[in-house]
Amino acid sequence: MKRVLHILKDINPPEALTVIAKQAEQPSQNISILLIQEAITLKPTVAAKIYVLKEDAQKRGVASGFKSINYSKMLELIFSSDSVVTW
């Protein structure tokens, strides 16, 4: 199974959520999403593991219902993925 990590930086990533949703429908792909910078306020509703970067959430005073991770865990996600897409 191919592991794909999508890193979202902006609150209005063009086509990102559409592409991610289509990939998430494919059983051959394991999709994860990491929300950073301004994107931490997004509420994606796709079938994927969704993470938020703790430092960015704290800096902006945002509470998220998604799993909060630090920079070390972010690096683990990146290096354990077969492909990484940044939006």
PDB file of N, CA and C in Angstrom:
ATOM      1  N   MET A   1       0.840  -1.176   0.000  1.00  0.00           N
ATOM      2  CA  MET A   1       0.000   0.000   0.000  1.00  0.00           C
ATOM      3  C   MET A   1       0.887   1.241   0.000  1.00  0.00           C
ATOM      4  N   LYS A   2       0.616   2.141  -0.901  1.00  0.00           N
ATOM      5  CA  LYS A   2       1.404   3.366  -1.032  1.00  0.00           C
ATOM      6  C   LYS A   2       0.956   4.379   0.027  1.00  0.00           C
ATOM      7  N   ARG A   3       1.917   4.898   0.784  1.00  0.00           N
ATOM      8  CA  ARG A   3       1.630   5.905   1.811  1.00  0.00           C
ATOM      9  C   ARG A   3       1.893   7.293   1.246  1.00  0.00           C
ATOM     10  N   VAL A   4       0.844   8.111   1.233  1.00  0.00           N
ATOM     11  CA  VAL A   4       0.933   9.462   0.688  1.00  0.00           C
ATOM     12  C   VAL A   4       0.617  10.462   1.796  1.00  0.00           C
ATOM     13  N   LEU A   5       1.499  11.421   1.975  1.00  0.00           N
ATOM     14  CA  LEU A   5       1.297  12.494   2.941  1.00  0.00           C
ATOM     15  C   LEU A   5       1.054  13.789   2.184  1.00  0.00           C
ATOM     16  N   HIS A   6      -0.063  14.437   2.490  1.00  0.00           N
ATOM     17  CA  HIS A   6      -0.373  15.745   1.933  1.00  0.00           C
ATOM     18  C   HIS A   6      -0.173  16.773   3.039  1.00  0.00           C
ATOM     19  N   ILE A   7       0.665  17.767   2.782  1.00  0.00           N
ATOM     20  CA  ILE A   7       0.899  18.846   3.745  1.00  0.00           C
ATOM     21  C   ILE A   7       0.184  20.087   3.219  1.00  0.00           C
ATOM     22  N   LEU A   8      -0.795  20.548   3.966  1.00  0.00           N
ATOM     23  CA  LEU A   8      -1.555  21.726   3.564  1.00  0.00           C
ATOM     24  C   LEU A   8      -1.079  22.925   4.366  1.00  0.00           C
ATOM     25  N   LYS A   9      -0.737  24.015   3.653  1.00  0.00           N
ATOM     26  CA  LYS A   9      -0.227  25.231   4.292  1.00  0.00           C
ATOM     27  C   LYS A   9      -1.227  26.383   4.272  1.00  0.00           C
ATOM     28  N   ASP A  10      -2.099  26.422   3.266  1.00  0.00           N
ATOM     29  CA  ASP A  10      -3.015  27.545   3.073  1.00  0.00           C
ATOM     30  C   ASP A  10      -4.447  27.142   3.379  1.00  0.00           C
ATOM     31  N   ILE A  11      -5.286  28.137   3.681  1.00  0.00           N
ATOM     32  CA  ILE A  11      -6.689  27.838   3.983  1.00  0.00           C
ATOM     33  C   ILE A  11      -7.508  27.603   2.727  1.00  0.00           C
ATOM     34  N   ASN A  12      -6.986  27.970   1.578  1.00  0.00           N
ATOM     35  CA  ASN A  12      -7.706  27.783   0.330  1.00  0.00           C
ATOM     36  C   ASN A  12      -6.796  27.124  -0.712  1.00  0.00           C
ATOM     37  N   PRO A  13      -6.394  25.875  -0.449  1.00  0.00           N
ATOM     38  CA  PRO A  13      -5.501  25.217  -1.407  1.00  0.00           C
ATOM     39  C   PRO A  13      -6.278  24.801  -2.655  1.00  0.00           C
ATOM     40  N   PRO A  14      -5.951  25.358  -3.803  1.00  0.00           N
ATOM     41  CA  PRO A  14      -6.701  25.031  -5.022  1.00  0.00           C
ATOM     42  C   PRO A  14      -6.609  23.545  -5.352  1.00  0.00           C
ATOM     43  N   GLU A  15      -7.750  22.916  -5.495  1.00  0.00           N
ATOM     44  CA  GLU A  15      -7.881  21.518  -5.905  1.00  0.00           C
ATOM     45  C   GLU A  15      -7.327  20.500  -4.914  1.00  0.00           C
ATOM     46  N   ALA A  16      -6.696  20.915  -3.850  1.00  0.00           N
ATOM     47  CA  ALA A  16      -6.048  19.964  -2.939  1.00  0.00           C
ATOM     48  C   ALA A  16      -7.044  18.976  -2.347  1.00  0.00           C
ATOM     49  N   LEU A  17      -8.121  19.475  -1.771  1.00  0.00           N
ATOM     50  CA  LEU A  17      -9.057  18.578  -1.108  1.00  0.00           C
ATOM     51  C   LEU A  17      -9.763  17.650  -2.095  1.00  0.00           C
ATOM     52  N   THR A  18      -9.977  18.101  -3.316  1.00  0.00           N
ATOM     53  CA  THR A  18     -10.576  17.255  -4.344  1.00  0.00           C
ATOM     54  C   THR A  18      -9.629  16.112  -4.702  1.00  0.00           C
ATOM     55  N   VAL A  19      -8.376  16.433  -4.916  1.00  0.00           N
ATOM     56  CA  VAL A  19      -7.365  15.417  -5.250  1.00  0.00           C
ATOM     57  C   VAL A  19      -7.209  14.430  -4.094  1.00  0.00           C
ATOM     58  N   ILE A  20      -7.133  14.948  -2.877  1.00  0.00           N
ATOM     59  CA  ILE A  20      -6.956  14.090  -1.698  1.00  0.00           C
ATOM     60  C   ILE A  20      -8.154  13.154  -1.547  1.00  0.00           C
ATOM     61  N   ALA A  21      -9.359  13.667  -1.727  1.00  0.00           N
ATOM     62  CA  ALA A  21     -10.566  12.836  -1.607  1.00  0.00           C
ATOM     63  C   ALA A  21     -10.563  11.706  -2.632  1.00  0.00           C
ATOM     64  N   LYS A  22     -10.150  11.994  -3.851  1.00  0.00           N
ATOM     65  CA  LYS A  22     -10.087  10.959  -4.890  1.00  0.00           C
ATOM     66  C   LYS A  22      -9.046   9.893  -4.545  1.00  0.00           C
ATOM     67  N   GLN A  23      -7.910  10.325  -4.028  1.00  0.00           N
ATOM     68  CA  GLN A  23      -6.876   9.366  -3.639  1.00  0.00           C
ATOM     69  C   GLN A  23      -7.347   8.506  -2.468  1.00  0.00           C
ATOM     70  N   ALA A  24      -8.049   9.112  -1.528  1.00  0.00           N
ATOM     71  CA  ALA A  24      -8.517   8.393  -0.335  1.00  0.00           C
ATOM     72  C   ALA A  24      -9.511   7.289  -0.694  1.00  0.00           C
ATOM     73  N   GLU A  25     -10.181   7.408  -1.825  1.00  0.00           N
ATOM     74  CA  GLU A  25     -11.134   6.388  -2.277  1.00  0.00           C
ATOM     75  C   GLU A  25     -10.431   5.148  -2.817  1.00  0.00           C
ATOM     76  N   GLN A  26      -9.162   5.248  -3.127  1.00  0.00           N
ATOM     77  CA  GLN A  26      -8.410   4.139  -3.706  1.00  0.00           C
ATOM     78  C   GLN A  26      -7.851   3.254  -2.590  1.00  0.00           C
ATOM     79  N   PRO A  27      -8.260   1.992  -2.556  1.00  0.00           N
ATOM     80  CA  PRO A  27      -7.803   1.103  -1.480  1.00  0.00           C
ATOM     81  C   PRO A  27      -6.289   0.844  -1.492  1.00  0.00           C
ATOM     82  N   SER A  28      -5.630   1.143  -2.602  1.00  0.00           N
ATOM     83  CA  SER A  28      -4.185   0.900  -2.692  1.00  0.00           C
ATOM     84  C   SER A  28      -3.362   2.027  -2.070  1.00  0.00           C
ATOM     85  N   GLN A  29      -4.044   3.071  -1.561  1.00  0.00           N
ATOM     86  CA  GLN A  29      -3.315   4.215  -1.004  1.00  0.00           C
ATOM     87  C   GLN A  29      -3.727   4.484   0.442  1.00  0.00           C
ATOM     88  N   ASN A  30      -2.732   4.754   1.261  1.00  0.00           N
ATOM     89  CA  ASN A  30      -2.938   5.124   2.657  1.00  0.00           C
ATOM     90  C   ASN A  30      -2.653   6.621   2.747  1.00  0.00           C
ATOM     91  N   ILE A  31      -3.693   7.417   2.909  1.00  0.00           N
ATOM     92  CA  ILE A  31      -3.572   8.873   2.832  1.00  0.00           C
ATOM     93  C   ILE A  31      -3.520   9.490   4.232  1.00  0.00           C
ATOM     94  N   SER A  32      -2.584  10.417   4.411  1.00  0.00           N
ATOM     95  CA  SER A  32      -2.489  11.225   5.625  1.00  0.00           C
ATOM     96  C   SER A  32      -2.435  12.687   5.222  1.00  0.00           C
ATOM     97  N   ILE A  33      -2.966  13.537   6.094  1.00  0.00           N
ATOM     98  CA  ILE A  33      -2.953  14.977   5.858  1.00  0.00           C
ATOM     99  C   ILE A  33      -2.328  15.642   7.077  1.00  0.00           C
ATOM    100  N   LEU A  34      -1.417  16.568   6.835  1.00  0.00           N
ATOM    101  CA  LEU A  34      -0.819  17.367   7.901  1.00  0.00           C
ATOM    102  C   LEU A  34      -1.179  18.821   7.655  1.00  0.00           C
ATOM    103  N   LEU A  35      -1.854  19.434   8.619  1.00  0.00           N
ATOM    104  CA  LEU A  35      -2.232  20.840   8.532  1.00  0.00           C
ATOM    105  C   LEU A  35      -1.190  21.682   9.255  1.00  0.00           C
ATOM    106  N   ILE A  36      -0.611  22.643   8.531  1.00  0.00           N
ATOM    107  CA  ILE A  36       0.395  23.529   9.109  1.00  0.00           C
ATOM    108  C   ILE A  36       0.062  24.965   8.738  1.00  0.00           C
ATOM    109  N   GLN A  37       0.776  25.896   9.333  1.00  0.00           N
ATOM    110  CA  GLN A  37       0.650  27.329   9.050  1.00  0.00           C
ATOM    111  C   GLN A  37      -0.818  27.754   9.065  1.00  0.00           C
ATOM    112  N   GLU A  38      -1.303  28.395   8.020  1.00  0.00           N
ATOM    113  CA  GLU A  38      -2.679  28.898   7.994  1.00  0.00           C
ATOM    114  C   GLU A  38      -3.719  27.797   7.845  1.00  0.00           C
ATOM    115  N   ALA A  39      -3.325  26.640   7.352  1.00  0.00           N
ATOM    116  CA  ALA A  39      -4.269  25.548   7.096  1.00  0.00           C
ATOM    117  C   ALA A  39      -4.760  24.863   8.365  1.00  0.00           C
ATOM    118  N   ILE A  40      -4.201  25.202   9.515  1.00  0.00           N
ATOM    119  CA  ILE A  40      -4.624  24.524  10.739  1.00  0.00           C
ATOM    120  C   ILE A  40      -6.089  24.771  11.079  1.00  0.00           C
ATOM    121  N   THR A  41      -6.712  25.744  10.448  1.00  0.00           N
ATOM    122  CA  THR A  41      -8.130  26.011  10.704  1.00  0.00           C
ATOM    123  C   THR A  41      -9.052  25.197   9.794  1.00  0.00           C
ATOM    124  N   LEU A  42      -8.496  24.478   8.816  1.00  0.00           N
ATOM    125  CA  LEU A  42      -9.309  23.656   7.917  1.00  0.00           C
ATOM    126  C   LEU A  42      -9.923  22.479   8.669  1.00  0.00           C
ATOM    127  N   LYS A  43     -11.041  22.004   8.166  1.00  0.00           N
ATOM    128  CA  LYS A  43     -11.720  20.836   8.726  1.00  0.00           C
ATOM    129  C   LYS A  43     -11.995  19.829   7.601  1.00  0.00           C
ATOM    130  N   PRO A  44     -10.948  19.197   7.061  1.00  0.00           N
ATOM    131  CA  PRO A  44     -11.156  18.244   5.967  1.00  0.00           C
ATOM    132  C   PRO A  44     -12.074  17.099   6.401  1.00  0.00           C
ATOM    133  N   THR A  45     -12.911  16.653   5.485  1.00  0.00           N
ATOM    134  CA  THR A  45     -13.844  15.567   5.784  1.00  0.00           C
ATOM    135  C   THR A  45     -13.574  14.354   4.900  1.00  0.00           C
ATOM    136  N   VAL A  46     -12.342  14.112   4.597  1.00  0.00           N
ATOM    137  CA  VAL A  46     -11.973  12.961   3.770  1.00  0.00           C
ATOM    138  C   VAL A  46     -11.570  11.790   4.660  1.00  0.00           C
ATOM    139  N   ALA A  47     -11.607  10.602   4.092  1.00  0.00           N
ATOM    140  CA  ALA A  47     -11.222   9.402   4.828  1.00  0.00           C
ATOM    141  C   ALA A  47      -9.701   9.296   4.855  1.00  0.00           C
ATOM    142  N   ALA A  48      -9.086  10.018   5.773  1.00  0.00           N
ATOM    143  CA  ALA A  48      -7.630  10.042   5.889  1.00  0.00           C
ATOM    144  C   ALA A  48      -7.249  10.307   7.339  1.00  0.00           C
ATOM    145  N   LYS A  49      -6.033   9.960   7.679  1.00  0.00           N
ATOM    146  CA  LYS A  49      -5.497  10.335   8.990  1.00  0.00           C
ATOM    147  C   LYS A  49      -5.133  11.815   8.897  1.00  0.00           C
ATOM    148  N   ILE A  50      -5.616  12.603   9.841  1.00  0.00           N
ATOM    149  CA  ILE A  50      -5.384  14.048   9.784  1.00  0.00           C
ATOM    150  C   ILE A  50      -4.651  14.480  11.044  1.00  0.00           C
ATOM    151  N   TYR A  51      -3.574  15.233  10.820  1.00  0.00           N
ATOM    152  CA  TYR A  51      -2.743  15.737  11.910  1.00  0.00           C
ATOM    153  C   TYR A  51      -2.662  17.258  11.806  1.00  0.00           C
ATOM    154  N   VAL A  52      -2.389  17.901  12.946  1.00  0.00           N
ATOM    155  CA  VAL A  52      -2.153  19.338  12.961  1.00  0.00           C
ATOM    156  C   VAL A  52      -0.828  19.582  13.684  1.00  0.00           C
ATOM    157  N   LEU A  53      -0.029  20.509  13.172  1.00  0.00           N
ATOM    158  CA  LEU A  53       1.255  20.824  13.794  1.00  0.00           C
ATOM    159  C   LEU A  53       1.009  21.647  15.060  1.00  0.00           C
ATOM    160  N   LYS A  54       1.391  21.071  16.188  1.00  0.00           N
ATOM    161  CA  LYS A  54       1.110  21.653  17.495  1.00  0.00           C
ATOM    162  C   LYS A  54       1.640  23.084  17.633  1.00  0.00           C
ATOM    163  N   GLU A  55       2.846  23.313  17.184  1.00  0.00           N
ATOM    164  CA  GLU A  55       3.441  24.647  17.331  1.00  0.00           C
ATOM    165  C   GLU A  55       2.650  25.708  16.564  1.00  0.00           C
ATOM    166  N   ASP A  56       2.174  25.372  15.379  1.00  0.00           N
ATOM    167  CA  ASP A  56       1.383  26.334  14.604  1.00  0.00           C
ATOM    168  C   ASP A  56       0.027  26.584  15.253  1.00  0.00           C
ATOM    169  N   ALA A  57      -0.584  25.553  15.787  1.00  0.00           N
ATOM    170  CA  ALA A  57      -1.878  25.714  16.460  1.00  0.00           C
ATOM    171  C   ALA A  57      -1.725  26.585  17.703  1.00  0.00           C
ATOM    172  N   GLN A  58      -0.684  26.345  18.480  1.00  0.00           N
ATOM    173  CA  GLN A  58      -0.443  27.144  19.688  1.00  0.00           C
ATOM    174  C   GLN A  58      -0.158  28.597  19.332  1.00  0.00           C
ATOM    175  N   LYS A  59       0.650  28.808  18.313  1.00  0.00           N
ATOM    176  CA  LYS A  59       1.012  30.165  17.889  1.00  0.00           C
ATOM    177  C   LYS A  59      -0.222  30.965  17.494  1.00  0.00           C
ATOM    178  N   ARG A  60      -1.194  30.288  16.880  1.00  0.00           N
ATOM    179  CA  ARG A  60      -2.403  30.970  16.407  1.00  0.00           C
ATOM    180  C   ARG A  60      -3.567  30.855  17.379  1.00  0.00           C
ATOM    181  N   GLY A  61      -3.365  30.176  18.494  1.00  0.00           N
ATOM    182  CA  GLY A  61      -4.419  30.032  19.487  1.00  0.00           C
ATOM    183  C   GLY A  61      -5.609  29.224  18.987  1.00  0.00           C
ATOM    184  N   VAL A  62      -5.326  28.211  18.179  1.00  0.00           N
ATOM    185  CA  VAL A  62      -6.382  27.398  17.576  1.00  0.00           C
ATOM    186  C   VAL A  62      -6.408  26.028  18.235  1.00  0.00           C
ATOM    187  N   ALA A  63      -7.610  25.599  18.635  1.00  0.00           N
ATOM    188  CA  ALA A  63      -7.785  24.241  19.136  1.00  0.00           C
ATOM    189  C   ALA A  63      -8.343  23.405  17.998  1.00  0.00           C
ATOM    190  N   SER A  64      -7.773  22.243  17.806  1.00  0.00           N
ATOM    191  CA  SER A  64      -8.196  21.388  16.700  1.00  0.00           C
ATOM    192  C   SER A  64      -8.638  20.039  17.231  1.00  0.00           C
ATOM    193  N   GLY A  65      -9.581  19.424  16.566  1.00  0.00           N
ATOM    194  CA  GLY A  65     -10.034  18.098  16.948  1.00  0.00           C
ATOM    195  C   GLY A  65      -9.163  16.996  16.378  1.00  0.00           C
ATOM    196  N   PHE A  66      -8.164  17.366  15.584  1.00  0.00           N
ATOM    197  CA  PHE A  66      -7.275  16.383  14.976  1.00  0.00           C
ATOM    198  C   PHE A  66      -6.077  16.117  15.877  1.00  0.00           C
ATOM    199  N   LYS A  67      -5.392  15.014  15.629  1.00  0.00           N
ATOM    200  CA  LYS A  67      -4.220  14.663  16.425  1.00  0.00           C
ATOM    201  C   LYS A  67      -3.136  15.721  16.255  1.00  0.00           C
ATOM    202  N   SER A  68      -2.640  16.206  17.368  1.00  0.00           N
ATOM    203  CA  SER A  68      -1.607  17.242  17.381  1.00  0.00           C
ATOM    204  C   SER A  68      -0.233  16.580  17.439  1.00  0.00           C
ATOM    205  N   ILE A  69       0.675  17.015  16.548  1.00  0.00           N
ATOM    206  CA  ILE A  69       2.018  16.447  16.523  1.00  0.00           C
ATOM    207  C   ILE A  69       3.065  17.564  16.550  1.00  0.00           C
ATOM    208  N   ASN A  70       4.278  17.213  16.951  1.00  0.00           N
ATOM    209  CA  ASN A  70       5.376  18.179  16.971  1.00  0.00           C
ATOM    210  C   ASN A  70       6.254  18.007  15.730  1.00  0.00           C
ATOM    211  N   TYR A  71       7.307  18.790  15.640  1.00  0.00           N
ATOM    212  CA  TYR A  71       8.187  18.743  14.468  1.00  0.00           C
ATOM    213  C   TYR A  71       8.861  17.373  14.297  1.00  0.00           C
ATOM    214  N   SER A  72       9.217  16.725  15.380  1.00  0.00           N
ATOM    215  CA  SER A  72       9.858  15.406  15.277  1.00  0.00           C
ATOM    216  C   SER A  72       8.919  14.399  14.634  1.00  0.00           C
ATOM    217  N   LYS A  73       7.661  14.403  15.059  1.00  0.00           N
ATOM    218  CA  LYS A  73       6.673  13.494  14.480  1.00  0.00           C
ATOM    219  C   LYS A  73       6.397  13.872  13.024  1.00  0.00           C
ATOM    220  N   MET A  74       6.438  15.163  12.719  1.00  0.00           N
ATOM    221  CA  MET A  74       6.259  15.610  11.337  1.00  0.00           C
ATOM    222  C   MET A  74       7.345  14.998  10.449  1.00  0.00           C
ATOM    223  N   LEU A  75       8.580  15.029  10.912  1.00  0.00           N
ATOM    224  CA  LEU A  75       9.683  14.433  10.142  1.00  0.00           C
ATOM    225  C   LEU A  75       9.503  12.929   9.981  1.00  0.00           C
ATOM    226  N   GLU A  76       9.013  12.260  11.024  1.00  0.00           N
ATOM    227  CA  GLU A  76       8.749  10.828  10.928  1.00  0.00           C
ATOM    228  C   GLU A  76       7.706  10.549   9.842  1.00  0.00           C
ATOM    229  N   LEU A  77       6.644  11.360   9.821  1.00  0.00           N
ATOM    230  CA  LEU A  77       5.609  11.201   8.800  1.00  0.00           C
ATOM    231  C   LEU A  77       6.188  11.380   7.399  1.00  0.00           C
ATOM    232  N   ILE A  78       6.995  12.414   7.243  1.00  0.00           N
ATOM    233  CA  ILE A  78       7.581  12.697   5.928  1.00  0.00           C
ATOM    234  C   ILE A  78       8.461  11.535   5.466  1.00  0.00           C
ATOM    235  N   PHE A  79       9.359  11.079   6.329  1.00  0.00           N
ATOM    236  CA  PHE A  79      10.306  10.046   5.918  1.00  0.00           C
ATOM    237  C   PHE A  79       9.703   8.652   5.850  1.00  0.00           C
ATOM    238  N   SER A  80       8.546   8.439   6.473  1.00  0.00           N
ATOM    239  CA  SER A  80       7.897   7.136   6.382  1.00  0.00           C
ATOM    240  C   SER A  80       6.899   7.071   5.213  1.00  0.00           C
ATOM    241  N   SER A  81       6.701   8.172   4.540  1.00  0.00           N
ATOM    242  CA  SER A  81       5.775   8.221   3.396  1.00  0.00           C
ATOM    243  C   SER A  81       6.492   7.886   2.096  1.00  0.00           C
ATOM    244  N   ASP A  82       5.750   7.262   1.191  1.00  0.00           N
ATOM    245  CA  ASP A  82       6.302   6.965  -0.118  1.00  0.00           C
ATOM    246  C   ASP A  82       6.310   8.218  -0.996  1.00  0.00           C
ATOM    247  N   SER A  83       5.352   9.099  -0.737  1.00  0.00           N
ATOM    248  CA  SER A  83       5.334  10.361  -1.481  1.00  0.00           C
ATOM    249  C   SER A  83       4.730  11.443  -0.599  1.00  0.00           C
ATOM    250  N   VAL A  84       5.236  12.663  -0.783  1.00  0.00           N
ATOM    251  CA  VAL A  84       4.792  13.825  -0.011  1.00  0.00           C
ATOM    252  C   VAL A  84       4.418  14.917  -0.984  1.00  0.00           C
ATOM    253  N   VAL A  85       3.225  15.485  -0.788  1.00  0.00           N
ATOM    254  CA  VAL A  85       2.738  16.570  -1.633  1.00  0.00           C
ATOM    255  C   VAL A  85       2.458  17.770  -0.728  1.00  0.00           C
ATOM    256  N   THR A  86       3.023  18.911  -1.077  1.00  0.00           N
ATOM    257  CA  THR A  86       2.790  20.118  -0.294  1.00  0.00           C
ATOM    258  C   THR A  86       1.918  21.071  -1.112  1.00  0.00           C
ATOM    259  N   TRP A  87       0.860  21.535  -0.493  1.00  0.00           N
ATOM    260  CA  TRP A  87      -0.092  22.437  -1.141  1.00  0.00           C
ATOM    261  C   TRP A  87       0.023  23.819  -0.523  1.00  0.00           C
TER     262      TRP A  87
END
